[in-house]
Amino acid sequence: LSVGLNCALGAKDLREHVETLSTVADAYVSAH
């Protein structure tokens, strides 16, 4: 239903990777 990223890094450091998922994922995207 969704794919995303969490933990390890803060939001600023996750941004480019969340953007990658938002581009390629045929699913909802999450970030926590």
PDB file of all heavy atoms in Angstrom:
ATOM      1  N   LEU A   1       0.851  -1.188   0.000  1.00  0.00           N
ATOM      2  CA  LEU A   1       0.000   0.000   0.000  1.00  0.00           C
ATOM      3  C   LEU A   1       0.888   1.240   0.000  1.00  0.00           C
ATOM      4  O   LEU A   1       0.621   2.217  -0.693  1.00  0.00           O
ATOM      5  CB  LEU A   1      -0.890   0.011   1.247  1.00  0.00           C
ATOM      6  CG  LEU A   1      -1.697   1.288   1.480  1.00  0.00           C
ATOM      7  CD1 LEU A   1      -2.865   1.360   0.510  1.00  0.00           C
ATOM      8  CD2 LEU A   1      -2.172   1.380   2.918  1.00  0.00           C
ATOM      9  N   SER A   2       1.961   1.173   0.809  1.00  0.00           N
ATOM     10  CA  SER A   2       2.896   2.293   0.887  1.00  0.00           C
ATOM     11  C   SER A   2       4.314   1.774   1.027  1.00  0.00           C
ATOM     12  O   SER A   2       4.546   0.660   1.509  1.00  0.00           O
ATOM     13  CB  SER A   2       2.566   3.194   2.088  1.00  0.00           C
ATOM     14  OG  SER A   2       2.838   2.528   3.312  1.00  0.00           O
ATOM     15  N   VAL A   3       5.245   2.594   0.594  1.00  0.00           N
ATOM     16  CA  VAL A   3       6.666   2.308   0.781  1.00  0.00           C
ATOM     17  C   VAL A   3       7.303   3.606   1.239  1.00  0.00           C
ATOM     18  O   VAL A   3       6.897   4.697   0.825  1.00  0.00           O
ATOM     19  CB  VAL A   3       7.319   1.783  -0.513  1.00  0.00           C
ATOM     20  CG1 VAL A   3       7.262   2.822  -1.626  1.00  0.00           C
ATOM     21  CG2 VAL A   3       8.752   1.323  -0.262  1.00  0.00           C
ATOM     22  N   GLY A   4       8.269   3.508   2.148  1.00  0.00           N
ATOM     23  CA  GLY A   4       8.856   4.734   2.662  1.00  0.00           C
ATOM     24  C   GLY A   4      10.156   4.481   3.391  1.00  0.00           C
ATOM     25  O   GLY A   4      10.754   3.409   3.293  1.00  0.00           O
ATOM     26  N   LEU A   5      10.561   5.491   4.152  1.00  0.00           N
ATOM     27  CA  LEU A   5      11.809   5.440   4.911  1.00  0.00           C
ATOM     28  C   LEU A   5      11.571   5.957   6.315  1.00  0.00           C
ATOM     29  O   LEU A   5      10.763   6.864   6.533  1.00  0.00           O
ATOM     30  CB  LEU A   5      12.886   6.286   4.222  1.00  0.00           C
ATOM     31  CG  LEU A   5      13.310   5.839   2.821  1.00  0.00           C
ATOM     32  CD1 LEU A   5      14.200   6.887   2.179  1.00  0.00           C
ATOM     33  CD2 LEU A   5      14.019   4.487   2.870  1.00  0.00           C
ATOM     34  N   ASN A   6      12.278   5.385   7.262  1.00  0.00           N
ATOM     35  CA  ASN A   6      12.197   5.857   8.644  1.00  0.00           C
ATOM     36  C   ASN A   6      13.528   5.647   9.337  1.00  0.00           C
ATOM     37  O   ASN A   6      14.405   4.938   8.841  1.00  0.00           O
ATOM     38  CB  ASN A   6      11.080   5.131   9.406  1.00  0.00           C
ATOM     39  CG  ASN A   6      11.420   3.702   9.769  1.00  0.00           C
ATOM     40  OD1 ASN A   6      11.446   2.833   8.894  1.00  0.00           O
ATOM     41  ND2 ASN A   6      11.668   3.427  11.038  1.00  0.00           N
ATOM     42  N   CYS A   7      13.674   6.274  10.499  1.00  0.00           N
ATOM     43  CA  CYS A   7      14.801   6.079  11.402  1.00  0.00           C
ATOM     44  C   CYS A   7      16.144   6.507  10.800  1.00  0.00           C
ATOM     45  O   CYS A   7      16.203   7.129   9.759  1.00  0.00           O
ATOM     46  CB  CYS A   7      14.852   4.618  11.878  1.00  0.00           C
ATOM     47  SG  CYS A   7      15.750   4.394  13.432  1.00  0.00           S
ATOM     48  N   ALA A   8      17.209   6.192  11.535  1.00  0.00           N
ATOM     49  CA  ALA A   8      18.614   6.379  11.149  1.00  0.00           C
ATOM     50  C   ALA A   8      18.995   7.837  10.904  1.00  0.00           C
ATOM     51  O   ALA A   8      19.916   8.350  11.523  1.00  0.00           O
ATOM     52  CB  ALA A   8      18.974   5.526   9.935  1.00  0.00           C
ATOM     53  N   LEU A   9      18.305   8.508  10.006  1.00  0.00           N
ATOM     54  CA  LEU A   9      18.650   9.888   9.671  1.00  0.00           C
ATOM     55  C   LEU A   9      17.508  10.835  10.032  1.00  0.00           C
ATOM     56  O   LEU A   9      16.360  10.419  10.197  1.00  0.00           O
ATOM     57  CB  LEU A   9      18.934  10.009   8.168  1.00  0.00           C
ATOM     58  CG  LEU A   9      20.048   9.121   7.608  1.00  0.00           C
ATOM     59  CD1 LEU A   9      20.133   9.295   6.102  1.00  0.00           C
ATOM     60  CD2 LEU A   9      21.390   9.420   8.269  1.00  0.00           C
ATOM     61  N   GLY A  10      17.849  12.122  10.122  1.00  0.00           N
ATOM     62  CA  GLY A  10      16.822  13.130  10.301  1.00  0.00           C
ATOM     63  C   GLY A  10      16.165  13.445   8.972  1.00  0.00           C
ATOM     64  O   GLY A  10      16.599  12.988   7.908  1.00  0.00           O
ATOM     65  N   ALA A  11      15.120  14.252   9.011  1.00  0.00           N
ATOM     66  CA  ALA A  11      14.336  14.531   7.808  1.00  0.00           C
ATOM     67  C   ALA A  11      15.178  15.178   6.706  1.00  0.00           C
ATOM     68  O   ALA A  11      15.056  14.805   5.535  1.00  0.00           O
ATOM     69  CB  ALA A  11      13.159  15.427   8.171  1.00  0.00           C
ATOM     70  N   LYS A  12      16.022  16.134   7.053  1.00  0.00           N
ATOM     71  CA  LYS A  12      16.809  16.825   6.034  1.00  0.00           C
ATOM     72  C   LYS A  12      17.678  15.855   5.248  1.00  0.00           C
ATOM     73  O   LYS A  12      17.812  15.969   4.024  1.00  0.00           O
ATOM     74  CB  LYS A  12      17.678  17.909   6.684  1.00  0.00           C
ATOM     75  CG  LYS A  12      16.871  19.073   7.251  1.00  0.00           C
ATOM     76  CD  LYS A  12      17.775  20.102   7.904  1.00  0.00           C
ATOM     77  CE  LYS A  12      16.957  21.250   8.496  1.00  0.00           C
ATOM     78  NZ  LYS A  12      17.822  22.229   9.197  1.00  0.00           N
ATOM     79  N   ASP A  13      18.267  14.889   5.938  1.00  0.00           N
ATOM     80  CA  ASP A  13      19.148  13.933   5.277  1.00  0.00           C
ATOM     81  C   ASP A  13      18.377  12.873   4.502  1.00  0.00           C
ATOM     82  O   ASP A  13      18.932  12.200   3.633  1.00  0.00           O
ATOM     83  CB  ASP A  13      20.051  13.249   6.317  1.00  0.00           C
ATOM     84  CG  ASP A  13      20.993  14.233   6.983  1.00  0.00           C
ATOM     85  OD1 ASP A  13      21.733  14.916   6.256  1.00  0.00           O
ATOM     86  OD2 ASP A  13      20.983  14.333   8.216  1.00  0.00           O
ATOM     87  N   LEU A  14      17.102  12.711   4.809  1.00  0.00           N
ATOM     88  CA  LEU A  14      16.285  11.722   4.099  1.00  0.00           C
ATOM     89  C   LEU A  14      15.666  12.274   2.827  1.00  0.00           C
ATOM     90  O   LEU A  14      15.197  11.508   1.983  1.00  0.00           O
ATOM     91  CB  LEU A  14      15.150  11.218   5.005  1.00  0.00           C
ATOM     92  CG  LEU A  14      15.419  10.031   5.922  1.00  0.00           C
ATOM     93  CD1 LEU A  14      14.120   9.590   6.588  1.00  0.00           C
ATOM     94  CD2 LEU A  14      16.023   8.854   5.160  1.00  0.00           C
ATOM     95  N   ARG A  15      15.664  13.587   2.675  1.00  0.00           N
ATOM     96  CA  ARG A  15      14.847  14.173   1.623  1.00  0.00           C
ATOM     97  C   ARG A  15      15.116  13.602   0.238  1.00  0.00           C
ATOM     98  O   ARG A  15      14.185  13.226  -0.492  1.00  0.00           O
ATOM     99  CB  ARG A  15      15.017  15.688   1.569  1.00  0.00           C
ATOM    100  CG  ARG A  15      13.944  16.325   0.686  1.00  0.00           C
ATOM    101  CD  ARG A  15      14.315  17.698   0.176  1.00  0.00           C
ATOM    102  NE  ARG A  15      13.215  18.302  -0.546  1.00  0.00           N
ATOM    103  CZ  ARG A  15      12.874  17.994  -1.798  1.00  0.00           C
ATOM    104  NH1 ARG A  15      13.531  17.052  -2.457  1.00  0.00           N
ATOM    105  NH2 ARG A  15      11.849  18.602  -2.394  1.00  0.00           N
ATOM    106  N   GLU A  16      16.367  13.540  -0.180  1.00  0.00           N
ATOM    107  CA  GLU A  16      16.647  13.090  -1.550  1.00  0.00           C
ATOM    108  C   GLU A  16      16.218  11.644  -1.766  1.00  0.00           C
ATOM    109  O   GLU A  16      15.795  11.279  -2.870  1.00  0.00           O
ATOM    110  CB  GLU A  16      18.133  13.254  -1.871  1.00  0.00           C
ATOM    111  CG  GLU A  16      19.075  12.372  -1.070  1.00  0.00           C
ATOM    112  CD  GLU A  16      20.519  12.510  -1.528  1.00  0.00           C
ATOM    113  OE1 GLU A  16      20.834  12.079  -2.656  1.00  0.00           O
ATOM    114  OE2 GLU A  16      21.325  13.068  -0.747  1.00  0.00           O
ATOM    115  N   HIS A  17      16.257  10.845  -0.696  1.00  0.00           N
ATOM    116  CA  HIS A  17      15.886   9.437  -0.840  1.00  0.00           C
ATOM    117  C   HIS A  17      14.366   9.269  -0.863  1.00  0.00           C
ATOM    118  O   HIS A  17      13.845   8.403  -1.580  1.00  0.00           O
ATOM    119  CB  HIS A  17      16.524   8.632   0.281  1.00  0.00           C
ATOM    120  CG  HIS A  17      17.985   8.932   0.460  1.00  0.00           C
ATOM    121  ND1 HIS A  17      18.902   8.760  -0.558  1.00  0.00           N
ATOM    122  CD2 HIS A  17      18.689   9.433   1.522  1.00  0.00           C
ATOM    123  CE1 HIS A  17      20.100   9.120  -0.136  1.00  0.00           C
ATOM    124  NE2 HIS A  17      19.997   9.533   1.126  1.00  0.00           N
ATOM    125  N   VAL A  18      13.668  10.106  -0.109  1.00  0.00           N
ATOM    126  CA  VAL A  18      12.202  10.102  -0.171  1.00  0.00           C
ATOM    127  C   VAL A  18      11.758  10.576  -1.551  1.00  0.00           C
ATOM    128  O   VAL A  18      10.811  10.036  -2.143  1.00  0.00           O
ATOM    129  CB  VAL A  18      11.606  10.988   0.932  1.00  0.00           C
ATOM    130  CG1 VAL A  18      10.099  11.129   0.755  1.00  0.00           C
ATOM    131  CG2 VAL A  18      11.917  10.404   2.311  1.00  0.00           C
ATOM    132  N   GLU A  19      12.470  11.561  -2.096  1.00  0.00           N
ATOM    133  CA  GLU A  19      12.142  12.039  -3.437  1.00  0.00           C
ATOM    134  C   GLU A  19      12.327  10.931  -4.469  1.00  0.00           C
ATOM    135  O   GLU A  19      11.518  10.781  -5.398  1.00  0.00           O
ATOM    136  CB  GLU A  19      13.004  13.249  -3.798  1.00  0.00           C
ATOM    137  CG  GLU A  19      12.664  13.843  -5.156  1.00  0.00           C
ATOM    138  CD  GLU A  19      13.419  15.128  -5.447  1.00  0.00           C
ATOM    139  OE1 GLU A  19      14.322  15.490  -4.672  1.00  0.00           O
ATOM    140  OE2 GLU A  19      13.091  15.771  -6.464  1.00  0.00           O
ATOM    141  N   THR A  20      13.376  10.147  -4.310  1.00  0.00           N
ATOM    142  CA  THR A  20      13.593   9.022  -5.221  1.00  0.00           C
ATOM    143  C   THR A  20      12.415   8.053  -5.173  1.00  0.00           C
ATOM    144  O   THR A  20      11.894   7.635  -6.211  1.00  0.00           O
ATOM    145  CB  THR A  20      14.888   8.276  -4.848  1.00  0.00           C
ATOM    146  OG1 THR A  20      16.006   9.144  -5.049  1.00  0.00           O
ATOM    147  CG2 THR A  20      15.064   7.015  -5.695  1.00  0.00           C
ATOM    148  N   LEU A  21      11.986   7.693  -3.963  1.00  0.00           N
ATOM    149  CA  LEU A  21      10.848   6.791  -3.826  1.00  0.00           C
ATOM    150  C   LEU A  21       9.595   7.390  -4.439  1.00  0.00           C
ATOM    151  O   LEU A  21       8.814   6.696  -5.097  1.00  0.00           O
ATOM    152  CB  LEU A  21      10.605   6.457  -2.356  1.00  0.00           C
ATOM    153  CG  LEU A  21      11.577   5.502  -1.687  1.00  0.00           C
ATOM    154  CD1 LEU A  21      11.177   5.282  -0.228  1.00  0.00           C
ATOM    155  CD2 LEU A  21      11.619   4.155  -2.414  1.00  0.00           C
ATOM    156  N   SER A  22       9.396   8.678  -4.233  1.00  0.00           N
ATOM    157  CA  SER A  22       8.182   9.311  -4.757  1.00  0.00           C
ATOM    158  C   SER A  22       8.161   9.295  -6.280  1.00  0.00           C
ATOM    159  O   SER A  22       7.094   9.333  -6.897  1.00  0.00           O
ATOM    160  CB  SER A  22       8.071  10.754  -4.247  1.00  0.00           C
ATOM    161  OG  SER A  22       8.976  11.607  -4.907  1.00  0.00           O
ATOM    162  N   THR A  23       9.339   9.221  -6.881  1.00  0.00           N
ATOM    163  CA  THR A  23       9.448   9.194  -8.341  1.00  0.00           C
ATOM    164  C   THR A  23       9.211   7.799  -8.904  1.00  0.00           C
ATOM    165  O   THR A  23       8.565   7.646  -9.946  1.00  0.00           O
ATOM    166  CB  THR A  23      10.841   9.691  -8.778  1.00  0.00           C
ATOM    167  OG1 THR A  23      11.050  11.016  -8.280  1.00  0.00           O
ATOM    168  CG2 THR A  23      10.977   9.685 -10.291  1.00  0.00           C
ATOM    169  N   VAL A  24       9.712   6.779  -8.212  1.00  0.00           N
ATOM    170  CA  VAL A  24       9.682   5.427  -8.785  1.00  0.00           C
ATOM    171  C   VAL A  24       8.569   4.546  -8.252  1.00  0.00           C
ATOM    172  O   VAL A  24       8.199   3.559  -8.893  1.00  0.00           O
ATOM    173  CB  VAL A  24      11.034   4.706  -8.552  1.00  0.00           C
ATOM    174  CG1 VAL A  24      12.178   5.502  -9.164  1.00  0.00           C
ATOM    175  CG2 VAL A  24      11.290   4.445  -7.065  1.00  0.00           C
ATOM    176  N   ALA A  25       8.007   4.868  -7.093  1.00  0.00           N
ATOM    177  CA  ALA A  25       7.074   3.953  -6.436  1.00  0.00           C
ATOM    178  C   ALA A  25       5.656   4.066  -6.981  1.00  0.00           C
ATOM    179  O   ALA A  25       5.081   5.161  -7.022  1.00  0.00           O
ATOM    180  CB  ALA A  25       7.068   4.196  -4.932  1.00  0.00           C
ATOM    181  N   ASP A  26       5.103   2.936  -7.367  1.00  0.00           N
ATOM    182  CA  ASP A  26       3.699   2.864  -7.751  1.00  0.00           C
ATOM    183  C   ASP A  26       2.892   2.494  -6.508  1.00  0.00           C
ATOM    184  O   ASP A  26       2.127   1.534  -6.495  1.00  0.00           O
ATOM    185  CB  ASP A  26       3.514   1.822  -8.851  1.00  0.00           C
ATOM    186  CG  ASP A  26       2.117   1.855  -9.442  1.00  0.00           C
ATOM    187  OD1 ASP A  26       1.420   2.869  -9.252  1.00  0.00           O
ATOM    188  OD2 ASP A  26       1.719   0.849 -10.066  1.00  0.00           O
ATOM    189  N   ALA A  27       3.106   3.249  -5.454  1.00  0.00           N
ATOM    190  CA  ALA A  27       2.461   3.031  -4.153  1.00  0.00           C
ATOM    191  C   ALA A  27       2.500   4.363  -3.428  1.00  0.00           C
ATOM    192  O   ALA A  27       3.192   5.303  -3.854  1.00  0.00           O
ATOM    193  CB  ALA A  27       3.201   1.961  -3.341  1.00  0.00           C
ATOM    194  N   TYR A  28       1.748   4.470  -2.335  1.00  0.00           N
ATOM    195  CA  TYR A  28       1.830   5.671  -1.522  1.00  0.00           C
ATOM    196  C   TYR A  28       3.207   5.735  -0.872  1.00  0.00           C
ATOM    197  O   TYR A  28       3.855   4.708  -0.648  1.00  0.00           O
ATOM    198  CB  TYR A  28       0.729   5.664  -0.468  1.00  0.00           C
ATOM    199  CG  TYR A  28      -0.658   5.741  -1.061  1.00  0.00           C
ATOM    200  CD1 TYR A  28      -1.502   4.637  -1.068  1.00  0.00           C
ATOM    201  CD2 TYR A  28      -1.126   6.925  -1.627  1.00  0.00           C
ATOM    202  CE1 TYR A  28      -2.780   4.702  -1.624  1.00  0.00           C
ATOM    203  CE2 TYR A  28      -2.397   7.012  -2.180  1.00  0.00           C
ATOM    204  CZ  TYR A  28      -3.219   5.897  -2.182  1.00  0.00           C
ATOM    205  OH  TYR A  28      -4.469   5.971  -2.741  1.00  0.00           O
ATOM    206  N   VAL A  29       3.662   6.942  -0.569  1.00  0.00           N
ATOM    207  CA  VAL A  29       5.006   7.132  -0.001  1.00  0.00           C
ATOM    208  C   VAL A  29       4.892   7.681   1.411  1.00  0.00           C
ATOM    209  O   VAL A  29       4.131   8.622   1.678  1.00  0.00           O
ATOM    210  CB  VAL A  29       5.849   8.080  -0.885  1.00  0.00           C
ATOM    211  CG1 VAL A  29       7.124   8.516  -0.157  1.00  0.00           C
ATOM    212  CG2 VAL A  29       6.209   7.389  -2.198  1.00  0.00           C
ATOM    213  N   SER A  30       5.665   7.083   2.322  1.00  0.00           N
ATOM    214  CA  SER A  30       5.680   7.506   3.717  1.00  0.00           C
ATOM    215  C   SER A  30       7.076   7.928   4.142  1.00  0.00           C
ATOM    216  O   SER A  30       8.075   7.516   3.545  1.00  0.00           O
ATOM    217  CB  SER A  30       5.203   6.364   4.634  1.00  0.00           C
ATOM    218  OG  SER A  30       6.157   5.306   4.641  1.00  0.00           O
ATOM    219  N   ALA A  31       7.118   8.753   5.178  1.00  0.00           N
ATOM    220  CA  ALA A  31       8.392   9.130   5.804  1.00  0.00           C
ATOM    221  C   ALA A  31       8.127   9.374   7.271  1.00  0.00           C
ATOM    222  O   ALA A  31       7.241  10.153   7.626  1.00  0.00           O
ATOM    223  CB  ALA A  31       8.974  10.381   5.154  1.00  0.00           C
ATOM    224  N   HIS A  32       8.860   8.686   8.127  1.00  0.00           N
ATOM    225  CA  HIS A  32       8.809   9.038   9.547  1.00  0.00           C
ATOM    226  C   HIS A  32      10.237   8.993  10.098  1.00  0.00           C
ATOM    227  O   HIS A  32      10.702   8.015  10.643  1.00  0.00           O
ATOM    228  CB  HIS A  32       7.817   8.186  10.358  1.00  0.00           C
ATOM    229  CG  HIS A  32       7.883   6.705  10.229  1.00  0.00           C
ATOM    230  ND1 HIS A  32       7.645   6.013   9.067  1.00  0.00           N
ATOM    231  CD2 HIS A  32       8.129   5.753  11.171  1.00  0.00           C
ATOM    232  CE1 HIS A  32       7.738   4.714   9.284  1.00  0.00           C
ATOM    233  NE2 HIS A  32       8.049   4.538  10.546  1.00  0.00           N
TER     234      HIS A  32
END
